[in-house]
């Protein structure tokens, strides 16, 4: 993950890299969640639970990247938020929603 120190401003390139982190981690989490459902359908609950845990870690990593942006803005820096950042936020939020929905769906398989 990219590191941004408290003293420096975030460049547009750094902001893009953070957005790519969010997209990548969220995408990995989404894939793992959907694969977990496939495993649950096949009654492979051990693998299902492993994938759920891996997805949770991916979402934690995505959230940590998102927090970098929030902290930067909270410090008073005006971030040049573009479509890439909006896209990253969209990926994260829809994957978090998917996690909630799949969590409820897996209760049926358990």
C-alpha atoms as a PDB file:
ATOM      1  CA  UNK A   1       0.000   0.000   0.000  1.00  0.00           C
ATOM      2  CA  UNK A   2       1.150   3.521  -0.637  1.00  0.00           C
ATOM      3  CA  UNK A   3       2.060   5.624   2.344  1.00  0.00           C
ATOM      4  CA  UNK A   4       1.176   9.287   2.762  1.00  0.00           C
ATOM      5  CA  UNK A   5       2.859  11.183   5.560  1.00  0.00           C
ATOM      6  CA  UNK A   6       0.942  13.642   7.680  1.00  0.00           C
ATOM      7  CA  UNK A   7       3.176  16.545   6.657  1.00  0.00           C
ATOM      8  CA  UNK A   8       2.858  16.289   2.886  1.00  0.00           C
ATOM      9  CA  UNK A   9       0.041  17.056   0.500  1.00  0.00           C
ATOM     10  CA  UNK A  10      -1.458  14.280  -1.548  1.00  0.00           C
ATOM     11  CA  UNK A  11      -0.668  14.607  -5.229  1.00  0.00           C
ATOM     12  CA  UNK A  12      -3.149  13.695  -7.933  1.00  0.00           C
ATOM     13  CA  UNK A  13      -1.002  10.657  -8.731  1.00  0.00           C
ATOM     14  CA  UNK A  14      -1.043   9.512  -5.088  1.00  0.00           C
ATOM     15  CA  UNK A  15      -4.797  10.005  -4.936  1.00  0.00           C
ATOM     16  CA  UNK A  16      -5.141   7.869  -8.059  1.00  0.00           C
ATOM     17  CA  UNK A  17      -2.998   5.146  -6.517  1.00  0.00           C
ATOM     18  CA  UNK A  18      -5.142   5.132  -3.381  1.00  0.00           C
ATOM     19  CA  UNK A  19      -8.248   4.874  -5.560  1.00  0.00           C
ATOM     20  CA  UNK A  20      -6.701   1.922  -7.414  1.00  0.00           C
ATOM     21  CA  UNK A  21      -5.987   0.255  -4.054  1.00  0.00           C
ATOM     22  CA  UNK A  22      -9.631   0.599  -3.081  1.00  0.00           C
ATOM     23  CA  UNK A  23     -10.781  -0.773  -6.434  1.00  0.00           C
ATOM     24  CA  UNK A  24      -8.374  -3.730  -6.308  1.00  0.00           C
ATOM     25  CA  UNK A  25      -9.133  -4.719  -2.720  1.00  0.00           C
ATOM     26  CA  UNK A  26     -12.867  -4.311  -3.235  1.00  0.00           C
ATOM     27  CA  UNK A  27     -12.747  -6.338  -6.436  1.00  0.00           C
ATOM     28  CA  UNK A  28     -10.831  -9.123  -4.717  1.00  0.00           C
ATOM     29  CA  UNK A  29     -13.353  -9.135  -1.880  1.00  0.00           C
ATOM     30  CA  UNK A  30     -16.264  -9.287  -4.330  1.00  0.00           C
ATOM     31  CA  UNK A  31     -14.743 -12.261  -6.138  1.00  0.00           C
ATOM     32  CA  UNK A  32     -14.119 -14.081  -2.863  1.00  0.00           C
ATOM     33  CA  UNK A  33     -17.652 -13.445  -1.647  1.00  0.00           C
ATOM     34  CA  UNK A  34     -19.190 -14.789  -4.845  1.00  0.00           C
ATOM     35  CA  UNK A  35     -16.890 -17.818  -4.741  1.00  0.00           C
ATOM     36  CA  UNK A  36     -17.956 -18.388  -1.131  1.00  0.00           C
ATOM     37  CA  UNK A  37     -21.574 -18.672  -2.251  1.00  0.00           C
ATOM     38  CA  UNK A  38     -20.589 -21.253  -4.890  1.00  0.00           C
ATOM     39  CA  UNK A  39     -18.827 -23.249  -2.195  1.00  0.00           C
ATOM     40  CA  UNK A  40     -21.839 -23.032   0.091  1.00  0.00           C
ATOM     41  CA  UNK A  41     -24.063 -24.362  -2.697  1.00  0.00           C
ATOM     42  CA  UNK A  42     -21.665 -27.312  -3.021  1.00  0.00           C
ATOM     43  CA  UNK A  43     -21.812 -27.857   0.767  1.00  0.00           C
ATOM     44  CA  UNK A  44     -18.124 -26.994   1.086  1.00  0.00           C
ATOM     45  CA  UNK A  45     -18.633 -24.797   4.133  1.00  0.00           C
ATOM     46  CA  UNK A  46     -15.026 -24.901   5.310  1.00  0.00           C
ATOM     47  CA  UNK A  47     -13.817 -23.336   2.052  1.00  0.00           C
ATOM     48  CA  UNK A  48     -16.786 -20.964   2.120  1.00  0.00           C
ATOM     49  CA  UNK A  49     -15.836 -19.670   5.573  1.00  0.00           C
ATOM     50  CA  UNK A  50     -12.189 -19.297   4.515  1.00  0.00           C
ATOM     51  CA  UNK A  51     -13.223 -17.171   1.531  1.00  0.00           C
ATOM     52  CA  UNK A  52     -15.466 -15.030   3.741  1.00  0.00           C
ATOM     53  CA  UNK A  53     -12.529 -14.337   6.064  1.00  0.00           C
ATOM     54  CA  UNK A  54     -10.278 -13.482   3.119  1.00  0.00           C
ATOM     55  CA  UNK A  55     -12.947 -11.125   1.766  1.00  0.00           C
ATOM     56  CA  UNK A  56     -13.189  -9.424   5.158  1.00  0.00           C
ATOM     57  CA  UNK A  57      -9.426  -8.800   5.115  1.00  0.00           C
ATOM     58  CA  UNK A  58      -9.638  -7.361   1.599  1.00  0.00           C
ATOM     59  CA  UNK A  59     -12.425  -5.036   2.719  1.00  0.00           C
ATOM     60  CA  UNK A  60     -10.376  -3.973   5.732  1.00  0.00           C
ATOM     61  CA  UNK A  61      -7.498  -3.124   3.393  1.00  0.00           C
ATOM     62  CA  UNK A  62      -9.861  -1.184   1.109  1.00  0.00           C
ATOM     63  CA  UNK A  63     -11.283   0.687   4.086  1.00  0.00           C
ATOM     64  CA  UNK A  64      -7.783   1.530   5.302  1.00  0.00           C
ATOM     65  CA  UNK A  65      -6.968   3.022   1.892  1.00  0.00           C
ATOM     66  CA  UNK A  66     -10.229   4.982   1.976  1.00  0.00           C
ATOM     67  CA  UNK A  67      -9.331   6.270   5.436  1.00  0.00           C
ATOM     68  CA  UNK A  68      -6.153   7.811   3.975  1.00  0.00           C
ATOM     69  CA  UNK A  69      -8.357  10.050   1.831  1.00  0.00           C
ATOM     70  CA  UNK A  70     -10.671  10.908   4.697  1.00  0.00           C
ATOM     71  CA  UNK A  71      -7.789  11.816   7.004  1.00  0.00           C
ATOM     72  CA  UNK A  72      -6.185  13.961   4.314  1.00  0.00           C
ATOM     73  CA  UNK A  73      -9.390  15.902   3.772  1.00  0.00           C
ATOM     74  CA  UNK A  74      -9.978  16.173   7.525  1.00  0.00           C
ATOM     75  CA  UNK A  75      -6.545  17.834   7.787  1.00  0.00           C
ATOM     76  CA  UNK A  76      -7.932  20.584   5.603  1.00  0.00           C
ATOM     77  CA  UNK A  77      -6.447  19.562   2.281  1.00  0.00           C
ATOM     78  CA  UNK A  78      -8.666  20.019  -0.730  1.00  0.00           C
ATOM     79  CA  UNK A  79      -8.566  16.736  -2.637  1.00  0.00           C
ATOM     80  CA  UNK A  80      -8.976  16.770  -6.397  1.00  0.00           C
ATOM     81  CA  UNK A  81     -11.636  14.086  -6.457  1.00  0.00           C
ATOM     82  CA  UNK A  82     -12.195  12.749  -9.942  1.00  0.00           C
ATOM     83  CA  UNK A  83     -14.151   9.973 -11.535  1.00  0.00           C
ATOM     84  CA  UNK A  84     -11.555   7.376 -10.502  1.00  0.00           C
ATOM     85  CA  UNK A  85     -12.101   8.202  -6.839  1.00  0.00           C
ATOM     86  CA  UNK A  86     -15.869   8.082  -7.272  1.00  0.00           C
ATOM     87  CA  UNK A  87     -15.508   4.738  -9.039  1.00  0.00           C
ATOM     88  CA  UNK A  88     -13.385   3.407  -6.159  1.00  0.00           C
ATOM     89  CA  UNK A  89     -15.960   4.508  -3.608  1.00  0.00           C
ATOM     90  CA  UNK A  90     -18.701   2.864  -5.662  1.00  0.00           C
ATOM     91  CA  UNK A  91     -16.767  -0.420  -5.737  1.00  0.00           C
ATOM     92  CA  UNK A  92     -16.214  -0.362  -2.000  1.00  0.00           C
ATOM     93  CA  UNK A  93     -19.787   0.476  -1.066  1.00  0.00           C
ATOM     94  CA  UNK A  94     -21.381  -2.070  -3.404  1.00  0.00           C
ATOM     95  CA  UNK A  95     -19.022  -4.780  -2.148  1.00  0.00           C
ATOM     96  CA  UNK A  96     -19.872  -3.929   1.459  1.00  0.00           C
ATOM     97  CA  UNK A  97     -23.542  -4.263   0.556  1.00  0.00           C
ATOM     98  CA  UNK A  98     -22.830  -7.577  -1.189  1.00  0.00           C
ATOM     99  CA  UNK A  99     -21.055  -8.782   1.953  1.00  0.00           C
ATOM    100  CA  UNK A 100     -24.159  -8.048   4.038  1.00  0.00           C
ATOM    101  CA  UNK A 101     -26.486  -9.747   1.560  1.00  0.00           C
ATOM    102  CA  UNK A 102     -24.266 -12.819   1.198  1.00  0.00           C
ATOM    103  CA  UNK A 103     -23.891 -13.049   4.976  1.00  0.00           C
ATOM    104  CA  UNK A 104     -27.665 -13.388   5.248  1.00  0.00           C
ATOM    105  CA  UNK A 105     -27.844 -15.783   2.319  1.00  0.00           C
ATOM    106  CA  UNK A 106     -25.183 -18.042   3.841  1.00  0.00           C
ATOM    107  CA  UNK A 107     -27.259 -18.357   6.991  1.00  0.00           C
ATOM    108  CA  UNK A 108     -29.663 -20.387   4.864  1.00  0.00           C
ATOM    109  CA  UNK A 109     -26.882 -22.763   3.782  1.00  0.00           C
ATOM    110  CA  UNK A 110     -25.546 -23.120   7.324  1.00  0.00           C
END
